[in-house]
Structures are given as C-alpha cells and as structure tokens.
C-alpha atoms as a PDB file:
ATOM      1  CA  UNK A   1     -46.123   3.398   1.970  1.00  0.00           C
ATOM      2  CA  UNK A   2     -49.160   5.211   0.523  1.00  0.00           C
ATOM      3  CA  UNK A   3     -50.594   3.726  -2.641  1.00  0.00           C
ATOM      4  CA  UNK A   4     -51.197   7.128  -4.225  1.00  0.00           C
ATOM      5  CA  UNK A   5     -47.578   8.312  -3.910  1.00  0.00           C
ATOM      6  CA  UNK A   6     -45.336   5.426  -4.816  1.00  0.00           C
ATOM      7  CA  UNK A   7     -41.672   5.762  -3.838  1.00  0.00           C
ATOM      8  CA  UNK A   8     -39.314   4.252  -6.378  1.00  0.00           C
ATOM      9  CA  UNK A   9     -35.774   3.121  -5.575  1.00  0.00           C
ATOM     10  CA  UNK A  10     -33.685   3.864  -8.644  1.00  0.00           C
ATOM     11  CA  UNK A  11     -30.576   1.846  -9.518  1.00  0.00           C
ATOM     12  CA  UNK A  12     -28.544   2.947 -12.479  1.00  0.00           C
ATOM     13  CA  UNK A  13     -27.491   0.241 -14.934  1.00  0.00           C
ATOM     14  CA  UNK A  14     -24.624  -1.978 -13.745  1.00  0.00           C
ATOM     15  CA  UNK A  15     -23.096  -2.104 -17.220  1.00  0.00           C
ATOM     16  CA  UNK A  16     -21.263   0.695 -18.961  1.00  0.00           C
ATOM     17  CA  UNK A  17     -19.412   1.107 -22.244  1.00  0.00           C
ATOM     18  CA  UNK A  18     -16.749   3.289 -20.662  1.00  0.00           C
ATOM     19  CA  UNK A  19     -13.183   1.971 -20.514  1.00  0.00           C
ATOM     20  CA  UNK A  20      -9.838   3.579 -19.799  1.00  0.00           C
ATOM     21  CA  UNK A  21      -6.268   3.497 -21.040  1.00  0.00           C
ATOM     22  CA  UNK A  22      -3.390   4.773 -18.920  1.00  0.00           C
ATOM     23  CA  UNK A  23       0.083   5.822 -20.031  1.00  0.00           C
ATOM     24  CA  UNK A  24       3.020   4.600 -17.895  1.00  0.00           C
ATOM     25  CA  UNK A  25       4.180   8.178 -17.208  1.00  0.00           C
ATOM     26  CA  UNK A  26       0.996   8.701 -15.171  1.00  0.00           C
ATOM     27  CA  UNK A  27       1.865   5.768 -12.930  1.00  0.00           C
ATOM     28  CA  UNK A  28       5.414   7.075 -12.464  1.00  0.00           C
ATOM     29  CA  UNK A  29       4.094  10.554 -11.599  1.00  0.00           C
ATOM     30  CA  UNK A  30       1.705   9.146  -8.996  1.00  0.00           C
ATOM     31  CA  UNK A  31       4.392   7.029  -7.334  1.00  0.00           C
ATOM     32  CA  UNK A  32       6.777   9.999  -7.312  1.00  0.00           C
ATOM     33  CA  UNK A  33       4.111  12.185  -5.681  1.00  0.00           C
ATOM     34  CA  UNK A  34       3.498   9.488  -3.076  1.00  0.00           C
ATOM     35  CA  UNK A  35       7.190   9.333  -2.182  1.00  0.00           C
ATOM     36  CA  UNK A  36       7.335  13.151  -1.852  1.00  0.00           C
ATOM     37  CA  UNK A  37       4.101  13.462   0.153  1.00  0.00           C
ATOM     38  CA  UNK A  38       4.088  15.274   3.524  1.00  0.00           C
ATOM     39  CA  UNK A  39       4.918  13.145   6.554  1.00  0.00           C
ATOM     40  CA  UNK A  40       1.411  13.383   8.002  1.00  0.00           C
ATOM     41  CA  UNK A  41      -0.320  12.426   4.736  1.00  0.00           C
ATOM     42  CA  UNK A  42      -1.421   8.815   4.366  1.00  0.00           C
ATOM     43  CA  UNK A  43      -2.291   9.040   0.677  1.00  0.00           C
ATOM     44  CA  UNK A  44      -1.947  11.299  -2.351  1.00  0.00           C
ATOM     45  CA  UNK A  45      -4.823  12.762  -4.371  1.00  0.00           C
ATOM     46  CA  UNK A  46      -4.496  14.356  -7.783  1.00  0.00           C
ATOM     47  CA  UNK A  47      -6.024  15.280 -11.123  1.00  0.00           C
ATOM     48  CA  UNK A  48      -5.972  13.100 -14.244  1.00  0.00           C
ATOM     49  CA  UNK A  49      -5.533  14.690 -17.663  1.00  0.00           C
ATOM     50  CA  UNK A  50      -6.148  13.192 -21.066  1.00  0.00           C
ATOM     51  CA  UNK A  51      -8.865  12.828 -23.657  1.00  0.00           C
ATOM     52  CA  UNK A  52     -12.145  10.995 -24.241  1.00  0.00           C
ATOM     53  CA  UNK A  53     -12.883   9.366 -27.586  1.00  0.00           C
ATOM     54  CA  UNK A  54     -16.284   9.164 -29.234  1.00  0.00           C
ATOM     55  CA  UNK A  55     -16.615   5.460 -28.340  1.00  0.00           C
ATOM     56  CA  UNK A  56     -16.218   6.126 -24.609  1.00  0.00           C
ATOM     57  CA  UNK A  57     -12.522   5.301 -24.154  1.00  0.00           C
ATOM     58  CA  UNK A  58     -10.859   7.562 -21.582  1.00  0.00           C
ATOM     59  CA  UNK A  59      -7.141   7.941 -22.347  1.00  0.00           C
ATOM     60  CA  UNK A  60      -5.198   9.075 -19.257  1.00  0.00           C
ATOM     61  CA  UNK A  61      -2.023  10.807 -20.433  1.00  0.00           C
ATOM     62  CA  UNK A  62      -0.848  13.012 -17.561  1.00  0.00           C
ATOM     63  CA  UNK A  63      -1.486  13.875 -13.924  1.00  0.00           C
ATOM     64  CA  UNK A  64      -0.532  16.182 -11.090  1.00  0.00           C
ATOM     65  CA  UNK A  65      -0.971  15.936  -7.335  1.00  0.00           C
ATOM     66  CA  UNK A  66      -3.313  18.294  -5.472  1.00  0.00           C
ATOM     67  CA  UNK A  67      -2.587  19.173  -1.805  1.00  0.00           C
ATOM     68  CA  UNK A  68      -5.366  18.124   0.544  1.00  0.00           C
ATOM     69  CA  UNK A  69      -6.322  17.604   4.170  1.00  0.00           C
ATOM     70  CA  UNK A  70      -8.676  14.885   5.243  1.00  0.00           C
ATOM     71  CA  UNK A  71     -10.223  13.533   8.399  1.00  0.00           C
ATOM     72  CA  UNK A  72     -12.691  10.760   9.124  1.00  0.00           C
ATOM     73  CA  UNK A  73     -15.701  12.621   7.718  1.00  0.00           C
ATOM     74  CA  UNK A  74     -14.398  15.374   5.442  1.00  0.00           C
ATOM     75  CA  UNK A  75     -11.798  16.124   2.780  1.00  0.00           C
ATOM     76  CA  UNK A  76     -10.453  19.567   1.880  1.00  0.00           C
ATOM     77  CA  UNK A  77      -8.757  20.058  -1.501  1.00  0.00           C
ATOM     78  CA  UNK A  78      -6.614  23.040  -2.447  1.00  0.00           C
ATOM     79  CA  UNK A  79      -8.898  24.152  -5.272  1.00  0.00           C
ATOM     80  CA  UNK A  80      -6.836  27.231  -6.153  1.00  0.00           C
ATOM     81  CA  UNK A  81      -3.725  25.082  -6.605  1.00  0.00           C
ATOM     82  CA  UNK A  82      -5.717  22.641  -8.754  1.00  0.00           C
ATOM     83  CA  UNK A  83      -6.964  25.417 -11.059  1.00  0.00           C
ATOM     84  CA  UNK A  84      -3.493  27.011 -11.289  1.00  0.00           C
ATOM     85  CA  UNK A  85      -1.884  23.714 -12.279  1.00  0.00           C
ATOM     86  CA  UNK A  86      -4.602  22.992 -14.807  1.00  0.00           C
ATOM     87  CA  UNK A  87      -4.183  26.393 -16.470  1.00  0.00           C
ATOM     88  CA  UNK A  88      -0.409  25.818 -16.647  1.00  0.00           C
ATOM     89  CA  UNK A  89      -0.923  22.427 -18.312  1.00  0.00           C
ATOM     90  CA  UNK A  90      -3.390  23.959 -20.755  1.00  0.00           C
ATOM     91  CA  UNK A  91      -0.727  26.421 -21.917  1.00  0.00           C
ATOM     92  CA  UNK A  92       1.648  23.545 -22.681  1.00  0.00           C
ATOM     93  CA  UNK A  93      -0.854  21.064 -24.098  1.00  0.00           C
ATOM     94  CA  UNK A  94      -4.386  22.422 -24.597  1.00  0.00           C
ATOM     95  CA  UNK A  95      -5.614  19.060 -25.887  1.00  0.00           C
ATOM     96  CA  UNK A  96      -5.215  17.438 -22.465  1.00  0.00           C
ATOM     97  CA  UNK A  97      -8.357  18.104 -20.434  1.00  0.00           C
ATOM     98  CA  UNK A  98      -9.511  16.907 -17.023  1.00  0.00           C
ATOM     99  CA  UNK A  99     -10.836  13.346 -17.233  1.00  0.00           C
ATOM    100  CA  UNK A 100     -10.982  12.467 -13.533  1.00  0.00           C
ATOM    101  CA  UNK A 101      -8.875  12.085 -10.409  1.00  0.00           C
ATOM    102  CA  UNK A 102      -6.677   9.554  -8.661  1.00  0.00           C
ATOM    103  CA  UNK A 103      -5.832   8.466  -5.137  1.00  0.00           C
ATOM    104  CA  UNK A 104      -3.248   6.092  -3.734  1.00  0.00           C
ATOM    105  CA  UNK A 105      -4.436   3.095  -1.773  1.00  0.00           C
ATOM    106  CA  UNK A 106      -6.247  -0.161  -2.369  1.00  0.00           C
ATOM    107  CA  UNK A 107      -9.730   0.750  -3.535  1.00  0.00           C
ATOM    108  CA  UNK A 108     -12.406   3.334  -2.879  1.00  0.00           C
ATOM    109  CA  UNK A 109     -12.375   4.962   0.575  1.00  0.00           C
ATOM    110  CA  UNK A 110     -15.042   6.717   2.622  1.00  0.00           C
ATOM    111  CA  UNK A 111     -14.224  10.224   1.425  1.00  0.00           C
ATOM    112  CA  UNK A 112     -14.003   9.304  -2.248  1.00  0.00           C
ATOM    113  CA  UNK A 113     -17.544  10.443  -2.998  1.00  0.00           C
ATOM    114  CA  UNK A 114     -16.858  13.944  -1.650  1.00  0.00           C
ATOM    115  CA  UNK A 115     -13.872  14.339  -3.977  1.00  0.00           C
ATOM    116  CA  UNK A 116     -15.759  12.761  -6.871  1.00  0.00           C
ATOM    117  CA  UNK A 117     -18.546  15.306  -6.468  1.00  0.00           C
ATOM    118  CA  UNK A 118     -16.014  18.121  -6.848  1.00  0.00           C
ATOM    119  CA  UNK A 119     -14.555  16.636 -10.039  1.00  0.00           C
ATOM    120  CA  UNK A 120     -18.073  16.031 -11.339  1.00  0.00           C
ATOM    121  CA  UNK A 121     -18.476  19.813 -11.315  1.00  0.00           C
ATOM    122  CA  UNK A 122     -15.199  20.177 -13.220  1.00  0.00           C
ATOM    123  CA  UNK A 123     -16.040  17.629 -15.945  1.00  0.00           C
ATOM    124  CA  UNK A 124     -18.975  15.362 -16.730  1.00  0.00           C
ATOM    125  CA  UNK A 125     -18.576  11.659 -15.900  1.00  0.00           C
ATOM    126  CA  UNK A 126     -15.084  11.752 -14.364  1.00  0.00           C
ATOM    127  CA  UNK A 127     -13.181   8.511 -13.731  1.00  0.00           C
ATOM    128  CA  UNK A 128     -11.558   7.585 -10.439  1.00  0.00           C
ATOM    129  CA  UNK A 129      -8.187   5.793 -10.551  1.00  0.00           C
ATOM    130  CA  UNK A 130      -6.768   3.999  -7.508  1.00  0.00           C
ATOM    131  CA  UNK A 131      -3.113   2.959  -7.329  1.00  0.00           C
ATOM    132  CA  UNK A 132      -1.739   0.597  -4.698  1.00  0.00           C
ATOM    133  CA  UNK A 133       1.717   2.101  -4.200  1.00  0.00           C
ATOM    134  CA  UNK A 134       2.632  -0.697  -1.790  1.00  0.00           C
ATOM    135  CA  UNK A 135       2.973  -3.100  -4.759  1.00  0.00           C
ATOM    136  CA  UNK A 136       1.641  -6.015  -2.733  1.00  0.00           C
ATOM    137  CA  UNK A 137       3.196  -9.325  -3.866  1.00  0.00           C
ATOM    138  CA  UNK A 138       5.273  -7.379  -6.379  1.00  0.00           C
ATOM    139  CA  UNK A 139       2.235  -6.377  -8.428  1.00  0.00           C
ATOM    140  CA  UNK A 140       0.705  -2.974  -9.039  1.00  0.00           C
ATOM    141  CA  UNK A 141      -3.012  -2.936  -8.284  1.00  0.00           C
ATOM    142  CA  UNK A 142      -4.546  -0.389 -10.649  1.00  0.00           C
ATOM    143  CA  UNK A 143      -8.309   0.030 -10.721  1.00  0.00           C
ATOM    144  CA  UNK A 144     -10.530   2.557 -12.437  1.00  0.00           C
ATOM    145  CA  UNK A 145     -14.097   3.444 -11.493  1.00  0.00           C
ATOM    146  CA  UNK A 146     -17.058   5.514 -12.605  1.00  0.00           C
ATOM    147  CA  UNK A 147     -19.806   6.667 -10.250  1.00  0.00           C
ATOM    148  CA  UNK A 148     -23.594   6.292 -10.510  1.00  0.00           C
ATOM    149  CA  UNK A 149     -26.154   7.897  -8.249  1.00  0.00           C
ATOM    150  CA  UNK A 150     -28.475   5.791  -6.097  1.00  0.00           C
ATOM    151  CA  UNK A 151     -31.778   7.626  -5.609  1.00  0.00           C
ATOM    152  CA  UNK A 152     -34.924   7.087  -3.578  1.00  0.00           C
ATOM    153  CA  UNK A 153     -37.670   8.927  -5.384  1.00  0.00           C
ATOM    154  CA  UNK A 154     -36.355  12.429  -5.991  1.00  0.00           C
ATOM    155  CA  UNK A 155     -33.796  12.205  -3.219  1.00  0.00           C
ATOM    156  CA  UNK A 156     -30.213  11.095  -3.843  1.00  0.00           C
ATOM    157  CA  UNK A 157     -29.104   8.584  -1.217  1.00  0.00           C
ATOM    158  CA  UNK A 158     -25.591   7.579  -2.163  1.00  0.00           C
ATOM    159  CA  UNK A 159     -23.184   6.938  -5.010  1.00  0.00           C
ATOM    160  CA  UNK A 160     -22.194   3.606  -6.430  1.00  0.00           C
ATOM    161  CA  UNK A 161     -18.647   3.184  -7.759  1.00  0.00           C
ATOM    162  CA  UNK A 162     -18.409   0.656 -10.564  1.00  0.00           C
ATOM    163  CA  UNK A 163     -15.101  -0.679 -11.843  1.00  0.00           C
ATOM    164  CA  UNK A 164     -14.406  -0.311 -15.565  1.00  0.00           C
ATOM    165  CA  UNK A 165     -11.784  -2.003 -17.786  1.00  0.00           C
ATOM    166  CA  UNK A 166      -8.319  -0.428 -17.540  1.00  0.00           C
ATOM    167  CA  UNK A 167      -5.570  -0.995 -20.105  1.00  0.00           C
ATOM    168  CA  UNK A 168      -1.900  -0.392 -19.265  1.00  0.00           C
ATOM    169  CA  UNK A 169       0.480  -0.907 -22.171  1.00  0.00           C
ATOM    170  CA  UNK A 170       4.220  -0.267 -22.212  1.00  0.00           C
ATOM    171  CA  UNK A 171       7.109  -0.453 -24.598  1.00  0.00           C
ATOM    172  CA  UNK A 172      10.096  -2.501 -23.488  1.00  0.00           C
ATOM    173  CA  UNK A 173      12.076   0.481 -22.150  1.00  0.00           C
ATOM    174  CA  UNK A 174       9.101   1.552 -20.004  1.00  0.00           C
ATOM    175  CA  UNK A 175       8.606  -1.984 -18.719  1.00  0.00           C
ATOM    176  CA  UNK A 176      12.213  -2.102 -17.446  1.00  0.00           C
ATOM    177  CA  UNK A 177      11.551   1.027 -15.388  1.00  0.00           C
ATOM    178  CA  UNK A 178       8.222  -0.381 -14.210  1.00  0.00           C
ATOM    179  CA  UNK A 179       9.909  -3.578 -12.996  1.00  0.00           C
ATOM    180  CA  UNK A 180      12.385  -1.474 -10.998  1.00  0.00           C
ATOM    181  CA  UNK A 181       9.505   0.556  -9.582  1.00  0.00           C
ATOM    182  CA  UNK A 182       7.818  -2.607  -8.300  1.00  0.00           C
ATOM    183  CA  UNK A 183      10.943  -3.521  -6.331  1.00  0.00           C
ATOM    184  CA  UNK A 184      10.632  -2.125  -2.818  1.00  0.00           C
ATOM    185  CA  UNK A 185      14.401  -1.911  -2.236  1.00  0.00           C
ATOM    186  CA  UNK A 186      16.788  -0.915  -5.017  1.00  0.00           C
ATOM    187  CA  UNK A 187      20.509  -0.376  -4.408  1.00  0.00           C
ATOM    188  CA  UNK A 188      20.959   1.778  -7.496  1.00  0.00           C
ATOM    189  CA  UNK A 189      19.362   2.490 -10.830  1.00  0.00           C
ATOM    190  CA  UNK A 190      20.805   0.458 -13.691  1.00  0.00           C
ATOM    191  CA  UNK A 191      23.089   2.124 -16.207  1.00  0.00           C
ATOM    192  CA  UNK A 192      22.628   1.837 -19.967  1.00  0.00           C
ATOM    193  CA  UNK A 193      24.496  -1.459 -20.269  1.00  0.00           C
ATOM    194  CA  UNK A 194      22.647  -3.041 -17.346  1.00  0.00           C
ATOM    195  CA  UNK A 195      19.338  -1.901 -18.788  1.00  0.00           C
ATOM    196  CA  UNK A 196      20.286  -3.394 -22.152  1.00  0.00           C
ATOM    197  CA  UNK A 197      21.294  -6.645 -20.445  1.00  0.00           C
ATOM    198  CA  UNK A 198      17.934  -6.876 -18.665  1.00  0.00           C
ATOM    199  CA  UNK A 199      16.121  -6.203 -21.948  1.00  0.00           C
ATOM    200  CA  UNK A 200      18.098  -8.881 -23.786  1.00  0.00           C
ATOM    201  CA  UNK A 201      17.364 -11.424 -21.039  1.00  0.00           C
ATOM    202  CA  UNK A 202      13.661 -10.687 -21.312  1.00  0.00           C
ATOM    203  CA  UNK A 203      13.873 -10.978 -25.119  1.00  0.00           C
ATOM    204  CA  UNK A 204      15.600 -14.364 -24.858  1.00  0.00           C
ATOM    205  CA  UNK A 205      12.923 -15.552 -22.423  1.00  0.00           C
ATOM    206  CA  UNK A 206      10.185 -14.504 -24.864  1.00  0.00           C
ATOM    207  CA  UNK A 207      11.959 -16.276 -27.730  1.00  0.00           C
ATOM    208  CA  UNK A 208      12.176 -19.439 -25.604  1.00  0.00           C
ATOM    209  CA  UNK A 209       8.429 -19.208 -24.947  1.00  0.00           C
ATOM    210  CA  UNK A 210       7.772 -18.967 -28.704  1.00  0.00           C
ATOM    211  CA  UNK A 211      10.050 -21.966 -29.367  1.00  0.00           C
ATOM    212  CA  UNK A 212       8.252 -24.028 -26.712  1.00  0.00           C
ATOM    213  CA  UNK A 213       4.851 -23.082 -28.120  1.00  0.00           C
ATOM    214  CA  UNK A 214       5.804 -23.936 -31.724  1.00  0.00           C
ATOM    215  CA  UNK A 215       7.392 -27.246 -30.677  1.00  0.00           C
ATOM    216  CA  UNK A 216       4.303 -28.085 -28.619  1.00  0.00           C
ATOM    217  CA  UNK A 217       2.000 -27.439 -31.578  1.00  0.00           C
ATOM    218  CA  UNK A 218       4.188 -29.436 -33.976  1.00  0.00           C
ATOM    219  CA  UNK A 219       4.387 -32.371 -31.567  1.00  0.00           C
ATOM    220  CA  UNK A 220       0.659 -32.268 -30.867  1.00  0.00           C
ATOM    221  CA  UNK A 221       0.961 -31.373 -27.173  1.00  0.00           C
ATOM    222  CA  UNK A 222      -0.729 -27.962 -27.590  1.00  0.00           C
ATOM    223  CA  UNK A 223      -3.835 -26.879 -29.448  1.00  0.00           C
ATOM    224  CA  UNK A 224      -2.858 -24.470 -32.265  1.00  0.00           C
ATOM    225  CA  UNK A 225      -4.184 -20.918 -32.167  1.00  0.00           C
ATOM    226  CA  UNK A 226      -4.512 -19.202 -35.548  1.00  0.00           C
ATOM    227  CA  UNK A 227      -4.148 -15.719 -34.035  1.00  0.00           C
ATOM    228  CA  UNK A 228      -0.844 -16.626 -32.406  1.00  0.00           C
ATOM    229  CA  UNK A 229       0.348 -18.233 -35.621  1.00  0.00           C
ATOM    230  CA  UNK A 230      -0.444 -15.104 -37.640  1.00  0.00           C
ATOM    231  CA  UNK A 231       1.299 -12.924 -35.070  1.00  0.00           C
ATOM    232  CA  UNK A 232       4.462 -15.063 -35.193  1.00  0.00           C
ATOM    233  CA  UNK A 233       4.354 -15.087 -39.003  1.00  0.00           C
ATOM    234  CA  UNK A 234       3.977 -11.286 -39.215  1.00  0.00           C
ATOM    235  CA  UNK A 235       6.796 -10.807 -36.708  1.00  0.00           C
ATOM    236  CA  UNK A 236       9.193 -13.020 -38.617  1.00  0.00           C
ATOM    237  CA  UNK A 237       8.311 -11.433 -41.954  1.00  0.00           C
ATOM    238  CA  UNK A 238       9.074  -7.970 -40.561  1.00  0.00           C
ATOM    239  CA  UNK A 239      12.654  -8.908 -39.633  1.00  0.00           C
ATOM    240  CA  UNK A 240      15.362  -7.863 -42.101  1.00  0.00           C
ATOM    241  CA  UNK A 241      17.139 -10.716 -43.876  1.00  0.00           C
ATOM    242  CA  UNK A 242      20.822 -10.186 -43.092  1.00  0.00           C
ATOM    243  CA  UNK A 243      23.638 -12.601 -42.443  1.00  0.00           C
ATOM    244  CA  UNK A 244      24.939 -13.193 -38.876  1.00  0.00           C
ATOM    245  CA  UNK A 245      28.252 -11.549 -39.774  1.00  0.00           C
ATOM    246  CA  UNK A 246      26.500  -8.402 -41.038  1.00  0.00           C
ATOM    247  CA  UNK A 247      24.310  -8.281 -37.934  1.00  0.00           C
ATOM    248  CA  UNK A 248      27.363  -8.579 -35.644  1.00  0.00           C
ATOM    249  CA  UNK A 249      29.075  -5.739 -37.491  1.00  0.00           C
ATOM    250  CA  UNK A 250      26.025  -3.437 -37.286  1.00  0.00           C
ATOM    251  CA  UNK A 251      25.500  -4.264 -33.609  1.00  0.00           C
ATOM    252  CA  UNK A 252      29.159  -3.708 -32.699  1.00  0.00           C
ATOM    253  CA  UNK A 253      29.249  -0.413 -34.609  1.00  0.00           C
ATOM    254  CA  UNK A 254      26.196   0.807 -32.701  1.00  0.00           C
ATOM    255  CA  UNK A 255      27.793  -0.226 -29.382  1.00  0.00           C
ATOM    256  CA  UNK A 256      30.953   1.706 -30.263  1.00  0.00           C
ATOM    257  CA  UNK A 257      28.858   4.772 -31.078  1.00  0.00           C
ATOM    258  CA  UNK A 258      27.169   4.516 -27.680  1.00  0.00           C
ATOM    259  CA  UNK A 259      30.539   4.234 -25.962  1.00  0.00           C
ATOM    260  CA  UNK A 260      31.732   7.348 -27.786  1.00  0.00           C
ATOM    261  CA  UNK A 261      28.647   9.303 -26.680  1.00  0.00           C
ATOM    262  CA  UNK A 262      29.121   8.212 -23.060  1.00  0.00           C
ATOM    263  CA  UNK A 263      32.793   9.232 -23.181  1.00  0.00           C
ATOM    264  CA  UNK A 264      32.061  12.653 -24.701  1.00  0.00           C
ATOM    265  CA  UNK A 265      29.283  13.388 -22.206  1.00  0.00           C
ATOM    266  CA  UNK A 266      31.559  12.404 -19.302  1.00  0.00           C
ATOM    267  CA  UNK A 267      34.314  14.625 -20.704  1.00  0.00           C
ATOM    268  CA  UNK A 268      31.955  17.589 -21.045  1.00  0.00           C
ATOM    269  CA  UNK A 269      30.644  17.052 -17.508  1.00  0.00           C
ATOM    270  CA  UNK A 270      34.201  16.995 -16.144  1.00  0.00           C
ATOM    271  CA  UNK A 271      35.131  20.201 -17.984  1.00  0.00           C
ATOM    272  CA  UNK A 272      32.060  21.986 -16.647  1.00  0.00           C
ATOM    273  CA  UNK A 273      32.885  20.867 -13.106  1.00  0.00           C
ATOM    274  CA  UNK A 274      36.466  22.115 -13.415  1.00  0.00           C
ATOM    275  CA  UNK A 275      35.307  25.435 -14.868  1.00  0.00           C
ATOM    276  CA  UNK A 276      32.827  25.877 -12.017  1.00  0.00           C
ATOM    277  CA  UNK A 277      35.496  25.245  -9.386  1.00  0.00           C
ATOM    278  CA  UNK A 278      37.943  27.641 -11.082  1.00  0.00           C
ATOM    279  CA  UNK A 279      35.243  30.313 -11.217  1.00  0.00           C
ATOM    280  CA  UNK A 280      34.486  29.831  -7.524  1.00  0.00           C
ATOM    281  CA  UNK A 281      38.185  30.041  -6.624  1.00  0.00           C
ATOM    282  CA  UNK A 282      38.594  33.229  -8.693  1.00  0.00           C
ATOM    283  CA  UNK A 283      35.672  34.893  -6.892  1.00  0.00           C
ATOM    284  CA  UNK A 284      37.177  34.019  -3.511  1.00  0.00           C
ATOM    285  CA  UNK A 285      40.548  35.509  -4.463  1.00  0.00           C
END
C-alpha cells in the first residue's frame, strides 16, 4: 500500500438509537400472506408501513406482500404492484408511509441486501423485519435490522445488517389470537365463550402469580421491588369498589346481553339464507 495514498477501511458505528415497535395486525398479515403464497415460493416479501418519531422510534402499523421471484444470486420484485398498493394505502391512511420491508424466515438471507437497496431508494434508513413463520418451539422469532455500508476508501464493499430493539405489545384479546397462531395444528377457532374462558384462565394465572409474589415478599423469601409494588397498588386502586352480589348481577346481565346478540345474529343469518334459496328457486321456475 503506497504511503502517499492511504486506503481507509470504514466501519460505521455499531450502536444506533433506532428502535422499532410492531402492531400485532402486522404479524397476522405476514402469516396470512405466507399461508397464501404460491406453491413454488419459499418465503414472502412485503412492504412495511407506519411512522417514524423524532426520537428514532419506528412504529410499524401495517403491511402488504409484494410478489417476487428469486434465485441464488438475484431477486426480482414486482415494483409496479408495490407502487399501486402503496398509492391505495395512501388514499385510506395518508399518515402511514413506507418504513421498510419484511421477509419470512429466520434471519437475513443472501439476497436481502438487493431488496434493501431498493427500499433505500423508496425511503431513507428503512428497517428490515424478519418473521419466523415456523414458530420453532412454539415461539415467534421476530427480529428487526438496519443496514450500514462497509466501505474501502471510496468504494462500497458490502452492507452490514445490525439488529435493533423490537417491541411487540398486545392487549389480551390480541394475545389469545396470537397464542392460536403459534399452534401449528388447530381443529377449529374458538367461539366467544371459549375465548372468554381462555382469557379468564390466563387472568386467574396472573392473579396467582401476584399472590405468590406478595406472599413471598411478606414472608421474606423474595426481595421487594418498589416498581412492582407501585404497579400492584395502582391496579388495585383503579378497580371499582362493588359488592360480590352487585358484580355477579352486572356480569350475568352482560352475559345475557351477549346471548341475545348471538341469537339475533343467528336468526338474521337464517332468514337471509332462506330468502336467498327462495329467490334462487323463483328464478329457476
């Protein structure tokens, strides 16, 4: 190497302030696209929509799959389809912009950089989300990356994908669906009562955990945590103070209302089915 023209190998910083949050509907959309993929396709690729806050948090709110063909050394995306879908989403929700792309599988693959370069032209600093749709060991492996360039002098050699923190938060109703999604074989989807039963069992398990923690702290078996204590105190103070008899009455009244709604919807569905069959028979005659 000549002393007059020094060649510098540039590494971009290994730390970044970027983090990501993902809504459960995005995960459901990706899994649904994977199930509906063409027979010859091994994975699904798509666009991520959302927003980016001033402090560098990427919030992933929506997604759509993009048709593609790939081989060992190249990947071809249907760019026209991608732009058409994005324009359609913009008409519905103009606040959701492109924040990156996703692919199914366990980690970054060989052709990821080619796709990332395309999305880098669509938006600055896109994120790359990988979803393991196989749910190995009953867990969903979700990872999010950003890419940095590795340069030798003025020449770009390669790209370095760096994992960033990813936050997935769900309400209880979404978590029930997520638990079903993790199950590889499901006989049938649960009805309203079965879903409520599963939720109540989970609630009872959480209450038992709180009881065990409080008893352990009182008996000196566990080290007290002030943050947990404040959280339990705030939770208890937010509960309405009603008698067990009043609670049973309110709960039973709500159950009866749900039964009435189920009955009326079933009755309306039956009437529509009968009307459709009568209309078909009249057209035949």
